[in-house]
Protein backbone atom coordinates (compact mmCIF):
# COMPACT_ATOMS: atom_id res chain seq x y z
CA MET A 1 1.63 4.49 26.21
CA GLU A 2 -0.94 3.12 23.79
CA ALA A 3 0.91 -0.21 23.73
CA MET A 4 0.42 -0.53 27.48
CA SER A 5 -3.33 -0.89 26.95
CA GLY A 6 -2.92 -3.52 24.21
CA THR A 7 -3.47 -7.24 24.40
CA ARG A 8 -1.16 -9.03 26.81
CA VAL A 9 1.25 -11.58 25.42
CA GLN A 10 -0.09 -15.12 25.76
CA ILE A 11 2.69 -17.03 24.02
CA LEU A 12 6.37 -16.61 23.33
CA TYR A 13 8.52 -17.92 20.47
CA VAL A 14 12.07 -19.02 21.27
CA THR A 15 14.74 -20.62 19.11
CA ASP A 16 16.57 -23.67 20.40
CA VAL A 17 19.89 -24.39 18.76
CA TYR A 18 21.52 -27.82 18.56
CA THR A 19 24.30 -26.65 16.25
CA GLY A 20 27.69 -27.67 17.59
CA THR A 21 26.30 -30.00 20.26
CA GLY A 22 26.90 -33.23 18.35
CA LYS A 23 23.29 -34.34 19.01
CA GLY A 24 22.46 -34.73 15.31
CA LYS A 25 19.12 -32.92 15.63
CA PRO A 26 17.82 -29.86 13.78
CA ASP A 27 17.33 -26.54 15.55
CA TYR A 28 13.71 -25.67 16.27
CA LEU A 29 11.29 -22.89 17.09
CA GLU A 30 9.64 -23.44 20.45
CA THR A 31 6.23 -22.07 21.47
CA VAL A 32 5.96 -21.28 25.18
CA ASP A 33 2.68 -20.41 26.91
CA ALA A 34 2.00 -17.92 29.72
CA TYR A 35 2.77 -20.62 32.30
CA SER A 36 6.28 -21.20 30.87
CA LEU A 37 5.24 -24.54 29.40
CA ILE A 38 6.56 -25.65 26.02
CA ILE A 39 3.44 -26.34 24.00
CA HIS A 40 4.94 -26.87 20.53
CA ARG A 41 8.23 -27.45 18.75
CA LEU A 42 8.74 -26.74 15.05
CA PRO A 43 12.00 -28.30 13.83
CA VAL A 44 13.66 -26.74 10.79
CA ASN A 45 14.65 -28.80 7.76
CA HIS A 46 18.41 -29.15 8.14
CA LEU A 47 21.08 -29.98 10.70
CA GLU A 48 23.69 -27.39 11.70
CA ASP A 49 21.63 -24.33 10.71
CA GLU A 50 22.25 -22.25 13.83
CA LEU A 51 19.09 -20.19 13.96
CA HIS A 52 20.05 -16.67 14.88
CA HIS A 53 18.35 -13.33 15.62
CA ILE A 54 14.72 -13.82 14.60
CA GLY A 55 12.33 -11.02 13.75
CA TRP A 56 8.81 -10.26 12.60
CA ASN A 57 7.51 -9.33 9.15
CA ALA A 58 5.97 -6.24 10.78
CA CYS A 59 6.84 -4.11 13.80
CA SER A 60 6.44 -0.63 15.25
CA SER A 61 8.00 0.90 12.11
CA CYS A 62 4.69 0.09 10.38
CA TYR A 63 2.58 2.32 12.64
CA GLY A 64 -0.43 4.00 11.09
CA ASP A 65 -1.27 1.03 8.83
CA ALA A 66 -3.98 -1.08 10.45
CA SER A 67 -3.69 -3.75 7.75
CA VAL A 68 -0.17 -4.73 8.82
CA GLN A 69 0.00 -7.70 11.17
CA ARG A 70 2.72 -9.73 12.83
CA GLN A 71 2.04 -12.95 10.98
CA PHE A 72 5.44 -14.26 9.97
CA LEU A 73 8.60 -14.88 11.95
CA ILE A 74 11.83 -14.64 9.99
CA LEU A 75 14.50 -17.13 11.13
CA PRO A 76 17.95 -16.49 9.64
CA SER A 77 20.37 -19.43 9.91
CA LEU A 78 23.90 -18.22 10.44
CA VAL A 79 25.83 -21.38 9.51
CA SER A 80 23.73 -22.77 6.65
CA SER A 81 22.67 -19.35 5.26
CA ILE A 82 19.08 -20.61 4.97
CA VAL A 83 16.24 -18.22 5.87
CA TYR A 84 13.09 -19.84 7.23
CA VAL A 85 9.74 -18.01 7.22
CA VAL A 86 7.25 -19.30 9.79
CA ASP A 87 3.51 -18.55 9.77
CA THR A 88 2.29 -17.85 13.30
CA ALA A 89 -1.20 -16.58 12.39
CA LYS A 90 -2.92 -19.77 11.21
CA ASN A 91 -2.30 -21.44 14.56
CA PRO A 92 -0.28 -19.27 16.98
CA LYS A 93 0.19 -22.18 19.40
CA ALA A 94 1.58 -24.45 16.67
CA PRO A 95 3.19 -22.31 13.94
CA ILE A 96 4.06 -23.87 10.59
CA LEU A 97 6.84 -23.45 8.07
CA HIS A 98 5.65 -21.08 5.33
CA LYS A 99 8.70 -20.71 3.08
CA VAL A 100 12.38 -21.58 2.90
CA VAL A 101 14.78 -19.17 1.18
CA GLU A 102 17.67 -21.35 0.04
CA PRO A 103 21.26 -20.09 0.29
CA GLN A 104 21.97 -20.79 -3.39
CA GLU A 105 19.30 -18.27 -4.40
CA VAL A 106 20.67 -15.64 -2.03
CA VAL A 107 24.29 -16.11 -3.15
CA THR A 108 23.39 -16.19 -6.85
CA LYS A 109 21.31 -13.01 -6.68
CA THR A 110 23.30 -11.01 -4.11
CA GLY A 111 26.73 -12.57 -3.52
CA ILE A 112 26.25 -12.38 0.27
CA ALA A 113 25.81 -15.12 2.87
CA TYR A 114 25.64 -15.88 6.60
CA PRO A 115 22.38 -14.09 7.55
CA ASN A 116 22.45 -12.79 11.10
CA THR A 117 19.64 -10.44 12.17
CA SER A 118 16.19 -9.82 10.68
CA HIS A 119 14.44 -6.44 10.65
CA CYS A 120 11.16 -5.33 9.10
CA LEU A 121 10.95 -2.11 7.12
CA VAL A 122 7.99 0.25 6.84
CA ASP A 123 7.19 -0.84 3.24
CA GLY A 124 6.92 -4.55 4.14
CA THR A 125 10.42 -5.42 2.99
CA ILE A 126 12.47 -7.68 5.26
CA MET A 127 16.09 -6.61 5.75
CA ILE A 128 18.55 -9.22 7.02
CA SER A 129 22.11 -8.28 7.88
CA CYS A 130 24.61 -10.75 6.43
CA LEU A 131 28.09 -11.13 7.88
CA ASP A 132 30.14 -12.16 4.82
CA ASP A 133 30.04 -12.94 1.16
CA LYS A 134 29.95 -16.54 -0.09
CA ASP A 135 33.75 -16.79 0.30
CA SER A 136 33.73 -15.54 3.92
CA ASN A 137 35.03 -12.07 3.04
CA ALA A 138 33.63 -9.82 5.77
CA GLU A 139 34.47 -6.66 3.85
CA ARG A 140 31.79 -7.70 1.34
CA ALA A 141 29.07 -8.17 3.95
CA GLY A 142 25.74 -6.55 3.22
CA PHE A 143 22.00 -6.59 3.62
CA LEU A 144 19.66 -9.14 2.12
CA LEU A 145 16.28 -7.70 1.16
CA LEU A 146 13.20 -9.91 0.85
CA ASN A 147 10.00 -8.50 -0.62
CA PRO A 148 6.66 -8.96 1.20
CA ASP A 149 6.32 -12.38 -0.50
CA PHE A 150 9.78 -13.29 0.88
CA ASP A 151 11.44 -13.38 -2.53
CA VAL A 152 15.06 -12.24 -2.90
């Protein structure tokens, strides 16, 4: 019930995916205002990423800690295995790319690939479910953990 009295949402972040369309453009994060107008587009660095289930660096699992803020959006890329971290706090209407976690680092350190869905954990760790290992073996799927600085 406390959330009902909170600040109303003024903007919305949506991923737009060009992967598989043949348009030769990168996917992007779109900022939409309260009037359903697109006010900003942040393209990612590569073609054929397929941005997937995005999530915040902080959520309701972090209750009781007033210092925790939703500042970063985590954008897993299913096809390329890249994870983009976007800073929404500096300018919420025009977020910027904060960090890119390259697939080579993830595979080298963990053996897993194809990040799907991002979740925040109570300690500030980001958990991303990954669908396969680097050789597309689903039985070796697992969870990628990024520390609060978004390091593997």
